[in-house]
């Protein structure tokens, strides 16, 4: 089964890469861009067949390695039969 993890900086944490992209977009004529936050997307293929256990393991993976929970938030999705279960 497939799993997806989305990692973003917590609100209030400075995002220098997002600031740089936002400024550059403005210079390129995209004045409608008010703010940019850059994050990470991780896709995993899991051997686990139970979606609840897979979700629990994903949360463990995020806490242990994938996300720096001091400054980052994360969201996990378990994809079962073509549909994603979001947590």
Protein backbone atom coordinates (compact mmCIF):
# COMPACT_ATOMS: atom_id res chain seq x y z
CA UNK A 1 0.00 0.00 0.00
CA UNK A 2 1.14 3.52 -0.68
CA UNK A 3 1.51 6.23 1.90
CA UNK A 4 2.14 9.93 1.60
CA UNK A 5 3.59 12.31 4.16
CA UNK A 6 3.36 16.08 3.89
CA UNK A 7 5.73 18.07 6.10
CA UNK A 8 5.44 21.84 6.57
CA UNK A 9 7.02 24.36 8.88
CA UNK A 10 4.88 25.29 11.85
CA UNK A 11 3.17 28.66 11.82
CA UNK A 12 5.54 31.31 13.11
CA UNK A 13 8.70 29.49 12.02
CA UNK A 14 10.71 31.54 9.54
CA UNK A 15 10.82 29.99 6.06
CA UNK A 16 13.75 31.64 4.23
CA UNK A 17 13.27 29.48 1.13
CA UNK A 18 9.58 30.42 1.00
CA UNK A 19 10.44 34.11 1.39
CA UNK A 20 12.96 33.90 -1.47
CA UNK A 21 10.47 32.13 -3.75
CA UNK A 22 7.73 34.63 -2.85
CA UNK A 23 9.95 37.62 -3.64
CA UNK A 24 11.09 36.11 -6.90
CA UNK A 25 7.52 35.33 -7.97
CA UNK A 26 6.65 38.97 -7.27
CA UNK A 27 9.55 40.16 -9.41
CA UNK A 28 8.37 37.84 -12.19
CA UNK A 29 4.99 39.54 -12.22
CA UNK A 30 2.97 37.23 -9.97
CA UNK A 31 1.76 40.02 -7.69
CA UNK A 32 -1.15 37.93 -6.39
CA UNK A 33 1.22 35.75 -4.32
CA UNK A 34 0.98 37.00 -0.74
CA UNK A 35 3.00 34.30 1.05
CA UNK A 36 4.92 31.13 0.22
CA UNK A 37 5.75 28.23 2.52
CA UNK A 38 7.99 25.43 1.28
CA UNK A 39 7.55 21.90 2.61
CA UNK A 40 8.41 18.28 1.89
CA UNK A 41 6.45 15.49 0.25
CA UNK A 42 7.46 11.89 0.95
CA UNK A 43 5.87 8.89 -0.77
CA UNK A 44 6.38 5.44 0.69
CA UNK A 45 5.44 1.94 -0.40
CA UNK A 46 4.49 -0.13 2.65
CA UNK A 47 4.16 -3.88 3.08
CA UNK A 48 1.63 -3.37 5.88
CA UNK A 49 -1.89 -4.35 4.79
CA UNK A 50 -3.91 -2.90 7.67
CA UNK A 51 -4.54 0.84 7.11
CA UNK A 52 -4.76 1.63 10.84
CA UNK A 53 -1.46 -0.07 11.61
CA UNK A 54 0.11 1.60 8.58
CA UNK A 55 -1.07 5.00 9.80
CA UNK A 56 0.29 4.35 13.30
CA UNK A 57 3.65 3.31 11.87
CA UNK A 58 3.75 6.40 9.65
CA UNK A 59 3.20 8.61 12.68
CA UNK A 60 6.10 6.84 14.40
CA UNK A 61 8.29 7.35 11.31
CA UNK A 62 7.45 11.05 11.26
CA UNK A 63 8.24 11.50 14.94
CA UNK A 64 11.50 9.53 14.68
CA UNK A 65 12.94 10.75 11.38
CA UNK A 66 10.80 12.30 8.66
CA UNK A 67 9.70 15.47 10.48
CA UNK A 68 11.49 17.68 12.97
CA UNK A 69 8.49 17.98 15.28
CA UNK A 70 10.00 20.96 17.09
CA UNK A 71 9.57 23.18 14.02
CA UNK A 72 7.53 21.09 11.58
CA UNK A 73 4.00 19.74 11.32
CA UNK A 74 3.15 16.66 9.30
CA UNK A 75 0.12 15.01 7.76
CA UNK A 76 -0.04 11.37 6.67
CA UNK A 77 -2.22 9.66 4.05
CA UNK A 78 -2.63 5.93 3.61
CA UNK A 79 -3.75 5.01 0.09
CA UNK A 80 -5.98 1.94 0.00
CA UNK A 81 -7.59 0.73 -3.20
CA UNK A 82 -7.07 4.03 -4.99
CA UNK A 83 -8.45 6.21 -2.18
CA UNK A 84 -6.40 8.07 0.40
CA UNK A 85 -7.25 7.95 4.10
CA UNK A 86 -5.98 11.27 5.48
CA UNK A 87 -4.85 11.79 9.07
